[in-house]
C-alpha atoms as a PDB file:
ATOM      1  CA  MET A   1       0.000   0.000   0.000  1.00  0.00           C
ATOM      2  CA  LYS A   2       2.000   2.944  -1.293  1.00  0.00           C
ATOM      3  CA  LEU A   3      -0.784   5.447  -2.010  1.00  0.00           C
ATOM      4  CA  PHE A   4      -4.104   6.208  -0.335  1.00  0.00           C
ATOM      5  CA  SER A   5      -7.039   8.210  -1.615  1.00  0.00           C
ATOM      6  CA  PHE A   6     -10.283   9.570  -0.219  1.00  0.00           C
ATOM      7  CA  HIS A   7     -13.063  10.419  -2.678  1.00  0.00           C
ATOM      8  CA  LEU A   8     -16.316  12.385  -2.476  1.00  0.00           C
ATOM      9  CA  ALA A   9     -18.842  12.355  -5.301  1.00  0.00           C
ATOM     10  CA  SER A  10     -22.557  12.871  -5.966  1.00  0.00           C
ATOM     11  CA  PRO A  11     -23.442  10.129  -8.471  1.00  0.00           C
ATOM     12  CA  GLY A  12     -27.128   9.901  -7.509  1.00  0.00           C
ATOM     13  CA  LEU A  13     -29.065   7.301  -5.546  1.00  0.00           C
ATOM     14  CA  GLY A  14     -28.835   4.525  -8.134  1.00  0.00           C
ATOM     15  CA  LYS A  15     -25.075   4.739  -8.499  1.00  0.00           C
ATOM     16  CA  THR A  16     -24.618   5.017  -4.733  1.00  0.00           C
ATOM     17  CA  LEU A  17     -26.543   1.759  -4.290  1.00  0.00           C
ATOM     18  CA  GLU A  18     -24.344   0.160  -6.960  1.00  0.00           C
ATOM     19  CA  PHE A  19     -21.259   1.288  -5.043  1.00  0.00           C
ATOM     20  CA  LEU A  20     -22.623  -0.217  -1.833  1.00  0.00           C
ATOM     21  CA  LEU A  21     -23.893  -3.488  -3.320  1.00  0.00           C
ATOM     22  CA  ARG A  22     -21.163  -4.105  -5.911  1.00  0.00           C
ATOM     23  CA  PRO A  23     -18.093  -2.149  -4.845  1.00  0.00           C
ATOM     24  CA  PRO A  24     -14.770  -2.482  -6.655  1.00  0.00           C
ATOM     25  CA  ARG A  25     -12.795  -5.355  -5.153  1.00  0.00           C
ATOM     26  CA  PRO A  26      -9.048  -5.694  -4.639  1.00  0.00           C
ATOM     27  CA  GLY A  27      -8.990  -9.110  -6.296  1.00  0.00           C
ATOM     28  CA  SER A  28     -10.541  -7.862  -9.533  1.00  0.00           C
ATOM     29  CA  THR A  29      -9.404  -4.212  -9.679  1.00  0.00           C
ATOM     30  CA  GLN A  30      -5.792  -3.819 -10.745  1.00  0.00           C
ATOM     31  CA  GLY A  31      -3.592  -2.203  -8.114  1.00  0.00           C
ATOM     32  CA  LEU A  32      -6.367  -1.853  -5.507  1.00  0.00           C
ATOM     33  CA  SER A  33      -5.259  -3.071  -2.064  1.00  0.00           C
ATOM     34  CA  HIS A  34      -8.205  -2.038   0.141  1.00  0.00           C
ATOM     35  CA  ILE A  35     -11.472  -0.130  -0.226  1.00  0.00           C
ATOM     36  CA  GLU A  36     -14.257   1.168   2.009  1.00  0.00           C
ATOM     37  CA  VAL A  37     -17.473   2.561   0.494  1.00  0.00           C
ATOM     38  CA  VAL A  38     -19.644   4.678   2.788  1.00  0.00           C
ATOM     39  CA  VAL A  39     -22.453   7.258   2.604  1.00  0.00           C
ATOM     40  CA  PRO A  40     -21.639  10.753   3.954  1.00  0.00           C
ATOM     41  CA  MET A  41     -23.445  12.145   6.995  1.00  0.00           C
ATOM     42  CA  THR A  42     -23.639  15.687   8.341  1.00  0.00           C
ATOM     43  CA  LEU A  43     -21.897  16.004  11.689  1.00  0.00           C
ATOM     44  CA  GLY A  44     -23.925  17.035  14.711  1.00  0.00           C
ATOM     45  CA  LEU A  45     -27.443  16.287  13.455  1.00  0.00           C
ATOM     46  CA  ARG A  46     -29.707  13.816  15.259  1.00  0.00           C
ATOM     47  CA  VAL A  47     -29.375  10.181  14.182  1.00  0.00           C
ATOM     48  CA  ALA A  48     -33.109  10.034  13.356  1.00  0.00           C
ATOM     49  CA  GLN A  49     -33.006  13.259  11.324  1.00  0.00           C
ATOM     50  CA  PRO A  50     -33.301  12.406   7.587  1.00  0.00           C
ATOM     51  CA  SER A  51     -31.194  15.394   6.519  1.00  0.00           C
ATOM     52  CA  ARG A  52     -28.237  13.861   8.381  1.00  0.00           C
ATOM     53  CA  TYR A  53     -27.820  11.294   5.583  1.00  0.00           C
ATOM     54  CA  HIS A  54     -26.860  11.913   1.951  1.00  0.00           C
ATOM     55  CA  PRO A  55     -27.758   8.754  -0.013  1.00  0.00           C
ATOM     56  CA  GLN A  56     -27.134  10.467  -3.360  1.00  0.00           C
ATOM     57  CA  GLN A  57     -23.505  10.969  -2.362  1.00  0.00           C
ATOM     58  CA  VAL A  58     -20.719   8.476  -1.843  1.00  0.00           C
ATOM     59  CA  ALA A  59     -17.418   8.560   0.023  1.00  0.00           C
ATOM     60  CA  VAL A  60     -14.650   6.085  -0.773  1.00  0.00           C
ATOM     61  CA  PHE A  61     -11.407   5.379   1.078  1.00  0.00           C
ATOM     62  CA  ALA A  62      -8.924   3.284  -0.896  1.00  0.00           C
ATOM     63  CA  ALA A  63      -5.357   1.991  -0.810  1.00  0.00           C
ATOM     64  CA  TRP A  64      -3.350   1.491  -4.000  1.00  0.00           C
ATOM     65  CA  GLU A  65      -0.129  -0.164  -5.059  1.00  0.00           C
ATOM     66  CA  ASN A  66       0.852   2.976  -6.975  1.00  0.00           C
ATOM     67  CA  GLU A  67      -0.512   6.148  -8.524  1.00  0.00           C
ATOM     68  CA  ALA A  68      -0.772   4.581 -11.976  1.00  0.00           C
ATOM     69  CA  ALA A  69      -3.327   2.085 -10.620  1.00  0.00           C
ATOM     70  CA  LEU A  70      -5.456   4.915  -9.241  1.00  0.00           C
ATOM     71  CA  GLU A  71      -5.253   6.838 -12.524  1.00  0.00           C
ATOM     72  CA  GLN A  72      -6.332   3.753 -14.475  1.00  0.00           C
ATOM     73  CA  PHE A  73      -9.249   3.138 -12.086  1.00  0.00           C
ATOM     74  CA  LEU A  74     -10.514   6.713 -12.460  1.00  0.00           C
ATOM     75  CA  ALA A  75     -10.270   6.569 -16.241  1.00  0.00           C
ATOM     76  CA  GLN A  76     -11.526   3.062 -17.050  1.00  0.00           C
ATOM     77  CA  ASN A  77     -13.581   1.568 -14.185  1.00  0.00           C
ATOM     78  CA  SER A  78     -17.290   2.534 -14.185  1.00  0.00           C
ATOM     79  CA  CYS A  79     -17.207   3.320 -10.457  1.00  0.00           C
ATOM     80  CA  GLY A  80     -13.919   5.146 -10.877  1.00  0.00           C
ATOM     81  CA  ILE A  81     -15.339   7.279 -13.687  1.00  0.00           C
ATOM     82  CA  ALA A  82     -18.209   8.289 -11.383  1.00  0.00           C
ATOM     83  CA  LEU A  83     -15.752   9.202  -8.628  1.00  0.00           C
ATOM     84  CA  ALA A  84     -13.660  11.224 -11.070  1.00  0.00           C
ATOM     85  CA  GLN A  85     -16.610  13.616 -11.439  1.00  0.00           C
ATOM     86  CA  GLY A  86     -16.224  14.607  -7.783  1.00  0.00           C
ATOM     87  CA  TRP A  87     -13.244  15.432  -5.596  1.00  0.00           C
ATOM     88  CA  HIS A  88     -10.458  13.380  -4.069  1.00  0.00           C
ATOM     89  CA  VAL A  89      -7.248  13.742  -2.112  1.00  0.00           C
ATOM     90  CA  ARG A  90      -4.158  11.554  -2.582  1.00  0.00           C
ATOM     91  CA  MET A  91      -2.273  10.783   0.592  1.00  0.00           C
ATOM     92  CA  GLU A  92       0.768   9.145   2.122  1.00  0.00           C
ATOM     93  CA  PHE A  93       0.364   7.059   5.272  1.00  0.00           C
ATOM     94  CA  VAL A  94       1.868   8.504   8.471  1.00  0.00           C
ATOM     95  CA  ARG A  95       0.606   6.623  11.517  1.00  0.00           C
ATOM     96  CA  LYS A  96      -2.170   4.406  12.867  1.00  0.00           C
ATOM     97  CA  TRP A  97      -3.813   3.465  16.132  1.00  0.00           C
ATOM     98  CA  GLY A  98      -5.809   0.229  16.336  1.00  0.00           C
ATOM     99  CA  GLN A  99      -6.380  -2.529  13.780  1.00  0.00           C
ATOM    100  CA  LEU A 100      -8.813  -3.296  10.977  1.00  0.00           C
ATOM    101  CA  GLN A 101      -8.823  -6.352   8.729  1.00  0.00           C
ATOM    102  CA  GLY A 102      -7.206  -5.522   5.414  1.00  0.00           C
ATOM    103  CA  LEU A 103      -5.091  -2.751   6.893  1.00  0.00           C
ATOM    104  CA  ASP A 104      -3.236  -4.765   9.523  1.00  0.00           C
ATOM    105  CA  SER A 105      -0.044  -4.798   7.450  1.00  0.00           C
ATOM    106  CA  LEU A 106       0.411  -1.074   7.994  1.00  0.00           C
ATOM    107  CA  PRO A 107       3.170  -0.201  10.474  1.00  0.00           C
ATOM    108  CA  GLN A 108       2.248   1.771  13.540  1.00  0.00           C
ATOM    109  CA  THR A 109       4.412   4.658  12.318  1.00  0.00           C
ATOM    110  CA  ALA A 110       5.729   5.173   8.799  1.00  0.00           C
ATOM    111  CA  MET A 111       6.943   8.773   9.064  1.00  0.00           C
ATOM    112  CA  HIS A 112       6.801  11.824  11.294  1.00  0.00           C
ATOM    113  CA  LEU A 113       5.128  15.146  10.582  1.00  0.00           C
ATOM    114  CA  GLN A 114       6.009  18.522  12.011  1.00  0.00           C
ATOM    115  CA  ASP A 115       3.364  20.179  14.168  1.00  0.00           C
ATOM    116  CA  GLU A 116       2.856  22.882  11.523  1.00  0.00           C
ATOM    117  CA  ASP A 117       2.238  20.386   8.701  1.00  0.00           C
ATOM    118  CA  PRO A 118      -1.321  19.847   7.411  1.00  0.00           C
ATOM    119  CA  VAL A 119      -2.738  16.397   8.104  1.00  0.00           C
ATOM    120  CA  VAL A 120      -5.652  14.213   7.029  1.00  0.00           C
ATOM    121  CA  SER A 121      -7.420  12.042   9.613  1.00  0.00           C
ATOM    122  CA  VAL A 122      -9.435   8.940   8.669  1.00  0.00           C
ATOM    123  CA  THR A 123     -11.177   6.627  11.130  1.00  0.00           C
ATOM    124  CA  LEU A 124     -12.856   3.311  10.274  1.00  0.00           C
ATOM    125  CA  ALA A 125     -14.837   1.158  12.696  1.00  0.00           C
ATOM    126  CA  ARG A 126     -17.052  -1.929  12.759  1.00  0.00           C
ATOM    127  CA  LEU A 127     -19.687  -1.111  15.347  1.00  0.00           C
ATOM    128  CA  ARG A 128     -20.946  -3.557  17.966  1.00  0.00           C
ATOM    129  CA  VAL A 129     -24.686  -3.281  17.334  1.00  0.00           C
ATOM    130  CA  MET A 130     -25.497  -3.751  21.027  1.00  0.00           C
ATOM    131  CA  GLU A 131     -23.288  -0.732  21.814  1.00  0.00           C
ATOM    132  CA  ALA A 132     -24.965   1.588  19.288  1.00  0.00           C
ATOM    133  CA  VAL A 133     -26.972   3.640  21.791  1.00  0.00           C
ATOM    134  CA  ARG A 134     -23.966   4.094  24.047  1.00  0.00           C
ATOM    135  CA  PHE A 135     -21.772   4.987  21.077  1.00  0.00           C
ATOM    136  CA  ILE A 136     -24.242   7.653  19.911  1.00  0.00           C
ATOM    137  CA  ARG A 137     -24.417   9.185  23.390  1.00  0.00           C
ATOM    138  CA  TRP A 138     -20.646   9.594  23.571  1.00  0.00           C
ATOM    139  CA  GLY A 139     -20.098  10.316  19.901  1.00  0.00           C
ATOM    140  CA  LYS A 140     -22.521  13.179  19.316  1.00  0.00           C
ATOM    141  CA  PRO A 141     -20.619  15.721  21.493  1.00  0.00           C
ATOM    142  CA  VAL A 142     -17.416  14.785  19.642  1.00  0.00           C
ATOM    143  CA  GLU A 143     -19.154  15.336  16.297  1.00  0.00           C
ATOM    144  CA  ARG A 144     -20.097  18.856  17.335  1.00  0.00           C
ATOM    145  CA  GLN A 145     -16.599  19.511  18.656  1.00  0.00           C
ATOM    146  CA  VAL A 146     -15.019  18.549  15.325  1.00  0.00           C
ATOM    147  CA  ARG A 147     -17.704  20.276  13.245  1.00  0.00           C
ATOM    148  CA  ASP A 148     -17.181  23.574  15.062  1.00  0.00           C
ATOM    149  CA  ASP A 149     -13.371  23.506  15.136  1.00  0.00           C
ATOM    150  CA  PRO A 150     -12.054  26.333  12.918  1.00  0.00           C
ATOM    151  CA  ALA A 151      -8.877  24.347  12.201  1.00  0.00           C
ATOM    152  CA  THR A 152     -10.675  21.917   9.850  1.00  0.00           C
ATOM    153  CA  THR A 153     -11.180  22.655   6.173  1.00  0.00           C
ATOM    154  CA  ILE A 154     -13.663  19.764   5.874  1.00  0.00           C
ATOM    155  CA  ALA A 155     -15.012  17.277   8.427  1.00  0.00           C
ATOM    156  CA  MET A 156     -17.619  14.557   8.010  1.00  0.00           C
ATOM    157  CA  ALA A 157     -18.866  11.227   9.242  1.00  0.00           C
ATOM    158  CA  ALA A 158     -20.070   8.407   7.000  1.00  0.00           C
ATOM    159  CA  ILE A 159     -21.814   5.052   7.292  1.00  0.00           C
ATOM    160  CA  ARG A 160     -22.185   1.765   5.452  1.00  0.00           C
ATOM    161  CA  PRO A 161     -25.339   0.219   6.909  1.00  0.00           C
ATOM    162  CA  LEU A 162     -25.430  -1.168   9.416  1.00  0.00           C
ATOM    163  CA  ARG A 163     -22.046  -1.567  11.105  1.00  0.00           C
ATOM    164  CA  THR A 164     -19.285   0.325   9.294  1.00  0.00           C
ATOM    165  CA  LEU A 165     -18.632   3.877  10.443  1.00  0.00           C
ATOM    166  CA  ALA A 166     -16.056   6.329   9.150  1.00  0.00           C
ATOM    167  CA  THR A 167     -14.845   9.844   9.793  1.00  0.00           C
ATOM    168  CA  PHE A 168     -12.781  12.062   7.512  1.00  0.00           C
ATOM    169  CA  SER A 169     -11.263  15.448   8.261  1.00  0.00           C
ATOM    170  CA  ILE A 170      -8.519  17.721   6.980  1.00  0.00           C
ATOM    171  CA  TRP A 171      -6.672  19.833   9.537  1.00  0.00           C
ATOM    172  CA  LYS A 172      -4.675  22.981   8.927  1.00  0.00           C
ATOM    173  CA  THR A 173      -1.878  21.679  11.156  1.00  0.00           C
ATOM    174  CA  GLN A 174      -1.071  18.517  13.062  1.00  0.00           C
ATOM    175  CA  ARG A 175      -0.958  20.636  16.231  1.00  0.00           C
ATOM    176  CA  ASP A 176      -4.628  21.533  15.717  1.00  0.00           C
ATOM    177  CA  LEU A 177      -5.563  17.867  15.372  1.00  0.00           C
ATOM    178  CA  LYS A 178      -3.631  16.936  18.510  1.00  0.00           C
ATOM    179  CA  GLN A 179      -5.432  19.653  20.474  1.00  0.00           C
ATOM    180  CA  MET A 180      -8.788  18.329  19.317  1.00  0.00           C
ATOM    181  CA  VAL A 181      -7.894  14.728  20.216  1.00  0.00           C
ATOM    182  CA  HIS A 182      -6.405  15.432  23.639  1.00  0.00           C
ATOM    183  CA  GLY A 183      -8.083  18.729  24.509  1.00  0.00           C
ATOM    184  CA  ARG A 184      -6.589  22.058  25.405  1.00  0.00           C
ATOM    185  CA  ARG A 185      -5.335  22.248  28.952  1.00  0.00           C
ATOM    186  CA  GLY A 186      -7.796  24.020  31.235  1.00  0.00           C
ATOM    187  CA  ASP A 187     -10.548  24.193  28.580  1.00  0.00           C
ATOM    188  CA  GLU A 188     -13.438  21.896  29.490  1.00  0.00           C
ATOM    189  CA  ALA A 189     -15.198  22.484  26.145  1.00  0.00           C
ATOM    190  CA  THR A 190     -12.353  20.805  24.249  1.00  0.00           C
ATOM    191  CA  GLN A 191     -12.294  17.629  26.371  1.00  0.00           C
ATOM    192  CA  LYS A 192     -15.185  15.815  24.646  1.00  0.00           C
ATOM    193  CA  HIS A 193     -12.992  13.696  22.366  1.00  0.00           C
ATOM    194  CA  ALA A 194     -10.582  12.824  25.169  1.00  0.00           C
ATOM    195  CA  LYS A 195     -13.452  11.729  27.424  1.00  0.00           C
ATOM    196  CA  ALA A 196     -14.995   9.619  24.650  1.00  0.00           C
ATOM    197  CA  MET A 197     -11.637   7.862  24.168  1.00  0.00           C
ATOM    198  CA  GLU A 198     -11.505   7.085  27.880  1.00  0.00           C
ATOM    199  CA  GLU A 199     -14.992   5.569  27.669  1.00  0.00           C
ATOM    200  CA  ARG A 200     -14.040   3.513  24.607  1.00  0.00           C
ATOM    201  CA  ASN A 201     -10.971   2.205  26.429  1.00  0.00           C
ATOM    202  CA  ARG A 202     -13.171   1.256  29.383  1.00  0.00           C
ATOM    203  CA  LYS A 203     -15.587  -0.720  27.170  1.00  0.00           C
ATOM    204  CA  ASP A 204     -15.092  -0.760  23.419  1.00  0.00           C
ATOM    205  CA  PHE A 205     -17.929   0.321  21.133  1.00  0.00           C
ATOM    206  CA  HIS A 206     -16.497  -1.616  18.187  1.00  0.00           C
ATOM    207  CA  HIS A 207     -15.388  -5.042  16.988  1.00  0.00           C
ATOM    208  CA  GLU A 208     -12.614  -3.354  14.993  1.00  0.00           C
ATOM    209  CA  PHE A 209     -11.343   0.205  15.058  1.00  0.00           C
ATOM    210  CA  ILE A 210      -8.525   2.067  13.349  1.00  0.00           C
ATOM    211  CA  THR A 211      -7.683   5.742  13.177  1.00  0.00           C
ATOM    212  CA  MET A 212      -5.040   6.889  10.720  1.00  0.00           C
ATOM    213  CA  ARG A 213      -3.163  10.042   9.874  1.00  0.00           C
ATOM    214  CA  PHE A 214      -1.957  10.887   6.387  1.00  0.00           C
ATOM    215  CA  ARG A 215       0.216  13.478   4.718  1.00  0.00           C
ATOM    216  CA  PRO A 216      -1.812  15.052   1.889  1.00  0.00           C
ATOM    217  CA  LEU A 217      -0.052  14.942  -1.482  1.00  0.00           C
ATOM    218  CA  SER A 218      -2.537  16.498  -3.910  1.00  0.00           C
ATOM    219  CA  GLU A 219      -6.227  17.149  -4.434  1.00  0.00           C
ATOM    220  CA  HIS A 220      -8.278  16.839  -7.595  1.00  0.00           C
ATOM    221  CA  GLY A 221     -11.724  18.067  -8.628  1.00  0.00           C
ATOM    222  CA  ILE A 222     -14.394  20.121  -6.871  1.00  0.00           C
ATOM    223  CA  TRP A 223     -16.578  19.413  -3.839  1.00  0.00           C
ATOM    224  CA  ALA A 224     -19.455  21.613  -2.693  1.00  0.00           C
ATOM    225  CA  GLY A 225     -18.254  24.344  -5.031  1.00  0.00           C
ATOM    226  CA  ARG A 226     -14.748  24.375  -3.561  1.00  0.00           C
ATOM    227  CA  LYS A 227     -11.558  23.647  -5.473  1.00  0.00           C
ATOM    228  CA  GLN A 228      -9.123  23.874  -2.557  1.00  0.00           C
ATOM    229  CA  LEU A 229      -9.804  21.856   0.574  1.00  0.00           C
ATOM    230  CA  LEU A 230      -6.134  21.263   1.390  1.00  0.00           C
ATOM    231  CA  PRO A 231      -4.582  24.002   3.538  1.00  0.00           C
ATOM    232  CA  THR A 232      -1.968  26.205   1.950  1.00  0.00           C
ATOM    233  CA  THR A 233       1.385  26.270   3.754  1.00  0.00           C
ATOM    234  CA  SER A 234       4.449  28.446   3.627  1.00  0.00           C
ATOM    235  CA  ARG A 235       6.748  25.455   3.922  1.00  0.00           C
END
């Protein structure tokens, strides 16, 4: 797995269902090592609120053997062609916490970023259905914390019914992400994520869970009328 990508597109309900029911598979898609297909959700809205879910949109996280494989997928695969009409970011793996089948070959740390470097965060989880209510109770405050953080250029949750959950966010600096994860000293309002992690460690919400950080390499396309979701840096 030498290259990772995260895609957002609006192919319509029919194509979204095709993505979910017949996703591209590593065994039959050249150069594809891993893929997760999920439906975007708006952070902070109630779980029962229909406007939280966007079934005409699709989000895809994928790992590739090389950039040429990704380029071929976007140009020749029917799902890839649909994704090419949206936006995506290409990324290099930095670090992980946890494990998820298909990604267990990743090292814990592949490289180090400076605190001022931009960073992409991706989380994937297989939810324990019996823990869903408890997970929602602890997760909703974290959603609002991330949604309202001015250091993100984009932040979203996503779902593949009924057990796969994902989050995706781009942060202006790694320092900003660390402060969200661990909280700012003396600021109770920023402790929601840290407290949710403590609760997860006490009794896990998930069968599998992995959170990963990536160094963004490039972005392509437009999402929600925006051409630049990656932060600009002076470095």
